[in-house]
Amino acid sequence: MSVSWSSKKECRSFFKSLCAQEFAQGLVQNQQQLNLHLRDFLKTQTGLWGAYRALPEEAQVEEVFQISHLAWTFPKMREGHLEFFEAQKFVLGPYGVWEPSPDSPQRDLQAIHGLLIPGLVFNKNGSRLGKGKGFYDKTLSSYQGVKVGICFDFQISPNPLPTEAHDVTMDFLVTESGLVDCSKHQE
């Protein structure tokens, strides 16, 4: 079934509803498979990486924080964009997101080799729609590192997503089915 979204709002509404249904059913096996594929991908990576503390309706990535050859940073919302910090302790920030505690050291975005990025919906060419605030797009507009979208298969749309010039695309997607190299799916 081919769907043409008339707006980002319409697309977000559909996928918010779909996510609510899917997450309510529980995704334990899917999450375990996603974790395996993410670990396999990260085995080949080095350096400092950025990740997120997942909201209830986002794929979890906490298991990979134990990968010893990588160092981790986490985002904190600041004036409409994200800044990244090394963190051992977290506090509840705006929008119910766990953020690094105030005493966490900040890291320059360009020093971060790659980022694990949540989203509401993606497609295989790397297009991404988040929740609509634009934090990741604003932050990543000049970022040159590896961008990895983290989601479940049902969050990958086979149809083009409504995008704008400022929307940042992913280099890879990781789902319970494996790794998607977005450069192989350019339209």
C-alpha atoms as a PDB file:
ATOM      1  CA  MET A   1       0.000   0.000   0.000  1.00  0.00           C
ATOM      2  CA  SER A   2       1.496   3.309  -1.073  1.00  0.00           C
ATOM      3  CA  VAL A   3       0.816   6.341   1.098  1.00  0.00           C
ATOM      4  CA  SER A   4       1.565   9.932   0.227  1.00  0.00           C
ATOM      5  CA  TRP A   5       1.727  12.117   3.331  1.00  0.00           C
ATOM      6  CA  SER A   6       0.301  15.594   2.831  1.00  0.00           C
ATOM      7  CA  SER A   7       2.305  16.968   5.762  1.00  0.00           C
ATOM      8  CA  LYS A   8       4.757  16.115   8.509  1.00  0.00           C
ATOM      9  CA  LYS A   9       1.904  16.523  10.974  1.00  0.00           C
ATOM     10  CA  GLU A  10      -0.187  13.855   9.229  1.00  0.00           C
ATOM     11  CA  CYS A  11       2.777  11.461   9.021  1.00  0.00           C
ATOM     12  CA  ARG A  12       3.694  12.012  12.686  1.00  0.00           C
ATOM     13  CA  SER A  13       0.110  11.441  13.767  1.00  0.00           C
ATOM     14  CA  PHE A  14      -0.030   8.093  11.953  1.00  0.00           C
ATOM     15  CA  PHE A  15       3.302   6.875  13.366  1.00  0.00           C
ATOM     16  CA  LYS A  16       2.590   8.121  16.900  1.00  0.00           C
ATOM     17  CA  SER A  17      -0.564   6.009  16.865  1.00  0.00           C
ATOM     18  CA  LEU A  18       1.276   3.008  15.384  1.00  0.00           C
ATOM     19  CA  CYS A  19       4.089   3.318  17.949  1.00  0.00           C
ATOM     20  CA  ALA A  20       1.596   3.523  20.816  1.00  0.00           C
ATOM     21  CA  GLN A  21      -0.025   0.272  19.631  1.00  0.00           C
ATOM     22  CA  GLU A  22       3.257  -1.576  19.033  1.00  0.00           C
ATOM     23  CA  PHE A  23       4.987  -0.470  22.243  1.00  0.00           C
ATOM     24  CA  ALA A  24       1.854  -1.341  24.270  1.00  0.00           C
ATOM     25  CA  GLN A  25       2.162  -4.944  23.053  1.00  0.00           C
ATOM     26  CA  GLY A  26       5.746  -5.170  24.264  1.00  0.00           C
ATOM     27  CA  LEU A  27       8.775  -5.532  22.048  1.00  0.00           C
ATOM     28  CA  VAL A  28      11.127  -7.627  24.184  1.00  0.00           C
ATOM     29  CA  GLN A  29      12.272 -10.019  21.439  1.00  0.00           C
ATOM     30  CA  ASN A  30      12.514  -7.207  18.896  1.00  0.00           C
ATOM     31  CA  GLN A  31      14.593  -5.159  21.356  1.00  0.00           C
ATOM     32  CA  GLN A  32      16.933  -8.109  21.984  1.00  0.00           C
ATOM     33  CA  GLN A  33      17.500  -8.545  18.240  1.00  0.00           C
ATOM     34  CA  LEU A  34      18.034  -4.806  17.777  1.00  0.00           C
ATOM     35  CA  ASN A  35      20.608  -4.870  20.603  1.00  0.00           C
ATOM     36  CA  LEU A  36      22.534  -7.696  18.886  1.00  0.00           C
ATOM     37  CA  HIS A  37      22.699  -5.820  15.581  1.00  0.00           C
ATOM     38  CA  LEU A  38      23.652  -2.557  17.271  1.00  0.00           C
ATOM     39  CA  ARG A  39      26.436  -4.284  19.228  1.00  0.00           C
ATOM     40  CA  ASP A  40      27.744  -5.876  16.002  1.00  0.00           C
ATOM     41  CA  PHE A  41      27.806  -2.486  14.283  1.00  0.00           C
ATOM     42  CA  LEU A  42      29.515  -0.770  17.210  1.00  0.00           C
ATOM     43  CA  LYS A  43      32.232  -3.474  17.427  1.00  0.00           C
ATOM     44  CA  THR A  44      33.691  -1.941  14.260  1.00  0.00           C
ATOM     45  CA  GLN A  45      33.547   1.646  15.552  1.00  0.00           C
ATOM     46  CA  THR A  46      35.993   3.632  17.669  1.00  0.00           C
ATOM     47  CA  GLY A  47      36.210   6.766  19.741  1.00  0.00           C
ATOM     48  CA  LEU A  48      33.614   8.938  21.377  1.00  0.00           C
ATOM     49  CA  TRP A  49      29.940   8.295  20.585  1.00  0.00           C
ATOM     50  CA  GLY A  50      26.723  10.055  21.473  1.00  0.00           C
ATOM     51  CA  ALA A  51      23.602   8.212  22.555  1.00  0.00           C
ATOM     52  CA  TYR A  52      20.265   8.947  24.195  1.00  0.00           C
ATOM     53  CA  ARG A  53      18.316   7.730  27.212  1.00  0.00           C
ATOM     54  CA  ALA A  54      15.169   6.350  25.602  1.00  0.00           C
ATOM     55  CA  LEU A  55      11.665   7.560  26.234  1.00  0.00           C
ATOM     56  CA  PRO A  56       9.005   4.850  26.750  1.00  0.00           C
ATOM     57  CA  GLU A  57       8.111   4.775  23.041  1.00  0.00           C
ATOM     58  CA  GLU A  58      11.667   4.688  21.667  1.00  0.00           C
ATOM     59  CA  ALA A  59      14.026   1.807  21.002  1.00  0.00           C
ATOM     60  CA  GLN A  60      16.356   1.309  23.967  1.00  0.00           C
ATOM     61  CA  VAL A  61      20.134   1.612  23.513  1.00  0.00           C
ATOM     62  CA  GLU A  62      21.337   1.393  27.149  1.00  0.00           C
ATOM     63  CA  GLU A  63      22.848  -2.074  26.685  1.00  0.00           C
ATOM     64  CA  VAL A  64      25.604  -0.720  24.431  1.00  0.00           C
ATOM     65  CA  PHE A  65      26.856   1.731  27.071  1.00  0.00           C
ATOM     66  CA  GLN A  66      28.820  -1.234  28.458  1.00  0.00           C
ATOM     67  CA  ILE A  67      30.928  -1.600  25.290  1.00  0.00           C
ATOM     68  CA  SER A  68      34.350  -0.939  26.782  1.00  0.00           C
ATOM     69  CA  HIS A  69      36.236   0.335  23.721  1.00  0.00           C
ATOM     70  CA  LEU A  70      33.815   3.243  23.213  1.00  0.00           C
ATOM     71  CA  ALA A  71      33.285   6.368  25.309  1.00  0.00           C
ATOM     72  CA  TRP A  72      29.780   7.837  25.542  1.00  0.00           C
ATOM     73  CA  THR A  73      28.183  11.276  25.636  1.00  0.00           C
ATOM     74  CA  PHE A  74      24.534  12.190  26.077  1.00  0.00           C
ATOM     75  CA  PRO A  75      22.425  15.140  24.922  1.00  0.00           C
ATOM     76  CA  LYS A  76      21.031  17.944  27.021  1.00  0.00           C
ATOM     77  CA  MET A  77      18.487  20.407  25.599  1.00  0.00           C
ATOM     78  CA  ARG A  78      19.731  23.979  25.527  1.00  0.00           C
ATOM     79  CA  GLU A  79      17.914  26.867  23.841  1.00  0.00           C
ATOM     80  CA  GLY A  80      16.385  24.842  21.013  1.00  0.00           C
ATOM     81  CA  HIS A  81      19.338  22.574  20.273  1.00  0.00           C
ATOM     82  CA  LEU A  82      21.324  19.762  21.897  1.00  0.00           C
ATOM     83  CA  GLU A  83      24.707  19.867  23.590  1.00  0.00           C
ATOM     84  CA  PHE A  84      26.563  16.681  24.551  1.00  0.00           C
ATOM     85  CA  PHE A  85      28.079  15.730  27.902  1.00  0.00           C
ATOM     86  CA  GLU A  86      29.903  12.798  29.441  1.00  0.00           C
ATOM     87  CA  ALA A  87      27.701  11.557  32.250  1.00  0.00           C
ATOM     88  CA  GLN A  88      27.524   9.044  35.062  1.00  0.00           C
ATOM     89  CA  LYS A  89      24.454  10.596  36.674  1.00  0.00           C
ATOM     90  CA  PHE A  90      21.250  11.796  35.043  1.00  0.00           C
ATOM     91  CA  VAL A  91      18.417  14.134  35.988  1.00  0.00           C
ATOM     92  CA  LEU A  92      14.942  14.410  34.502  1.00  0.00           C
ATOM     93  CA  GLY A  93      14.942  17.258  31.995  1.00  0.00           C
ATOM     94  CA  PRO A  94      12.356  18.962  29.785  1.00  0.00           C
ATOM     95  CA  TYR A  95       9.893  16.724  27.971  1.00  0.00           C
ATOM     96  CA  GLY A  96      10.567  13.873  30.428  1.00  0.00           C
ATOM     97  CA  VAL A  97      13.997  13.083  28.973  1.00  0.00           C
ATOM     98  CA  TRP A  98      16.843  11.871  31.229  1.00  0.00           C
ATOM     99  CA  GLU A  99      19.766  14.271  30.730  1.00  0.00           C
ATOM    100  CA  PRO A 100      23.312  14.492  32.094  1.00  0.00           C
ATOM    101  CA  SER A 101      23.514  15.993  35.577  1.00  0.00           C
ATOM    102  CA  PRO A 102      24.675  19.632  35.882  1.00  0.00           C
ATOM    103  CA  ASP A 103      28.206  18.605  36.943  1.00  0.00           C
ATOM    104  CA  SER A 104      28.793  16.577  33.734  1.00  0.00           C
ATOM    105  CA  PRO A 105      31.666  17.733  31.473  1.00  0.00           C
ATOM    106  CA  GLN A 106      30.614  19.034  28.056  1.00  0.00           C
ATOM    107  CA  ARG A 107      32.139  17.636  24.865  1.00  0.00           C
ATOM    108  CA  ASP A 108      32.449  19.411  21.532  1.00  0.00           C
ATOM    109  CA  LEU A 109      30.003  17.959  18.997  1.00  0.00           C
ATOM    110  CA  GLN A 110      32.702  17.702  16.319  1.00  0.00           C
ATOM    111  CA  ALA A 111      34.826  15.500  18.645  1.00  0.00           C
ATOM    112  CA  ILE A 112      32.070  12.881  18.647  1.00  0.00           C
ATOM    113  CA  HIS A 113      32.702  10.134  16.071  1.00  0.00           C
ATOM    114  CA  GLY A 114      29.072   9.049  15.751  1.00  0.00           C
ATOM    115  CA  LEU A 115      25.599   9.460  17.197  1.00  0.00           C
ATOM    116  CA  LEU A 116      22.774   7.039  17.917  1.00  0.00           C
ATOM    117  CA  ILE A 117      19.605   8.978  17.085  1.00  0.00           C
ATOM    118  CA  PRO A 118      16.011   8.142  17.963  1.00  0.00           C
ATOM    119  CA  GLY A 119      13.118   8.973  15.680  1.00  0.00           C
ATOM    120  CA  LEU A 120       9.439   8.456  15.200  1.00  0.00           C
ATOM    121  CA  VAL A 121       9.779   7.249  11.596  1.00  0.00           C
ATOM    122  CA  PHE A 122      12.587   6.764   9.060  1.00  0.00           C
ATOM    123  CA  ASN A 123      12.895   5.469   5.554  1.00  0.00           C
ATOM    124  CA  LYS A 124      15.766   3.519   4.070  1.00  0.00           C
ATOM    125  CA  ASN A 125      17.261   6.523   2.280  1.00  0.00           C
ATOM    126  CA  GLY A 126      17.986   8.023   5.722  1.00  0.00           C
ATOM    127  CA  SER A 127      15.097  10.464   5.981  1.00  0.00           C
ATOM    128  CA  ARG A 128      13.925  10.897   9.569  1.00  0.00           C
ATOM    129  CA  LEU A 129      11.009  12.507  11.358  1.00  0.00           C
ATOM    130  CA  GLY A 130      11.315  13.080  15.067  1.00  0.00           C
ATOM    131  CA  LYS A 131       8.704  14.349  17.445  1.00  0.00           C
ATOM    132  CA  GLY A 132       8.558  17.780  15.811  1.00  0.00           C
ATOM    133  CA  LYS A 133      10.712  20.079  17.938  1.00  0.00           C
ATOM    134  CA  GLY A 134      13.706  19.970  15.566  1.00  0.00           C
ATOM    135  CA  PHE A 135      16.365  19.505  18.272  1.00  0.00           C
ATOM    136  CA  TYR A 136      18.387  16.921  16.341  1.00  0.00           C
ATOM    137  CA  ASP A 137      18.052  18.692  12.976  1.00  0.00           C
ATOM    138  CA  LYS A 138      19.248  22.009  14.440  1.00  0.00           C
ATOM    139  CA  THR A 139      22.116  20.352  16.273  1.00  0.00           C
ATOM    140  CA  LEU A 140      23.270  18.140  13.402  1.00  0.00           C
ATOM    141  CA  SER A 141      23.053  20.695  10.585  1.00  0.00           C
ATOM    142  CA  SER A 142      26.866  20.978  10.441  1.00  0.00           C
ATOM    143  CA  TYR A 143      27.796  17.669  12.090  1.00  0.00           C
ATOM    144  CA  GLN A 144      30.188  15.561   9.997  1.00  0.00           C
ATOM    145  CA  GLY A 145      30.229  12.327  12.044  1.00  0.00           C
ATOM    146  CA  VAL A 146      28.309   9.097  11.565  1.00  0.00           C
ATOM    147  CA  LYS A 147      24.538   9.393  12.124  1.00  0.00           C
ATOM    148  CA  VAL A 148      22.774   6.148  13.071  1.00  0.00           C
ATOM    149  CA  GLY A 149      18.987   6.067  13.338  1.00  0.00           C
ATOM    150  CA  ILE A 150      17.706   3.577  15.906  1.00  0.00           C
ATOM    151  CA  CYS A 151      14.207   2.144  15.413  1.00  0.00           C
ATOM    152  CA  PHE A 152      12.087  -0.941  14.956  1.00  0.00           C
ATOM    153  CA  ASP A 153      11.056  -2.292  11.551  1.00  0.00           C
ATOM    154  CA  PHE A 154       7.524  -0.898  11.865  1.00  0.00           C
ATOM    155  CA  GLN A 155       9.072   2.589  12.134  1.00  0.00           C
ATOM    156  CA  ILE A 156      10.552   2.361   8.642  1.00  0.00           C
ATOM    157  CA  SER A 157       8.173   3.727   6.059  1.00  0.00           C
ATOM    158  CA  PRO A 158       8.346   2.232   2.560  1.00  0.00           C
ATOM    159  CA  ASN A 159       6.993   5.558   1.295  1.00  0.00           C
ATOM    160  CA  PRO A 160       8.783   8.896   0.956  1.00  0.00           C
ATOM    161  CA  LEU A 161       8.578  11.025   4.083  1.00  0.00           C
ATOM    162  CA  PRO A 162       7.615  14.696   3.981  1.00  0.00           C
ATOM    163  CA  THR A 163      10.942  16.454   4.433  1.00  0.00           C
ATOM    164  CA  GLU A 164      12.334  19.959   4.210  1.00  0.00           C
ATOM    165  CA  ALA A 165      15.764  21.287   3.272  1.00  0.00           C
ATOM    166  CA  HIS A 166      16.880  21.565   6.933  1.00  0.00           C
ATOM    167  CA  ASP A 167      16.064  17.914   7.761  1.00  0.00           C
ATOM    168  CA  VAL A 168      19.202  15.886   8.504  1.00  0.00           C
ATOM    169  CA  THR A 169      19.499  12.399   7.015  1.00  0.00           C
ATOM    170  CA  MET A 170      20.964   9.302   8.651  1.00  0.00           C
ATOM    171  CA  ASP A 171      23.949   7.351   7.340  1.00  0.00           C
ATOM    172  CA  PHE A 172      22.705   4.052   8.773  1.00  0.00           C
ATOM    173  CA  LEU A 173      19.630   2.586  10.456  1.00  0.00           C
ATOM    174  CA  VAL A 174      19.705  -0.239  12.991  1.00  0.00           C
ATOM    175  CA  THR A 175      16.564  -2.308  13.585  1.00  0.00           C
ATOM    176  CA  GLU A 176      15.775  -5.790  14.850  1.00  0.00           C
ATOM    177  CA  SER A 177      16.311  -7.023  11.259  1.00  0.00           C
ATOM    178  CA  GLY A 178      19.829  -5.617  10.970  1.00  0.00           C
ATOM    179  CA  LEU A 179      21.840  -2.729   9.605  1.00  0.00           C
ATOM    180  CA  VAL A 180      20.604  -0.549   6.734  1.00  0.00           C
ATOM    181  CA  ASP A 181      23.260   1.418   4.818  1.00  0.00           C
ATOM    182  CA  CYS A 182      21.227   4.453   3.736  1.00  0.00           C
ATOM    183  CA  SER A 183      23.690   5.366   0.979  1.00  0.00           C
ATOM    184  CA  LYS A 184      22.475   2.264  -0.913  1.00  0.00           C
ATOM    185  CA  HIS A 185      18.869   3.518  -0.910  1.00  0.00           C
ATOM    186  CA  GLN A 186      19.193   7.077  -2.200  1.00  0.00           C
ATOM    187  CA  GLU A 187      16.255   8.257  -4.307  1.00  0.00           C
END
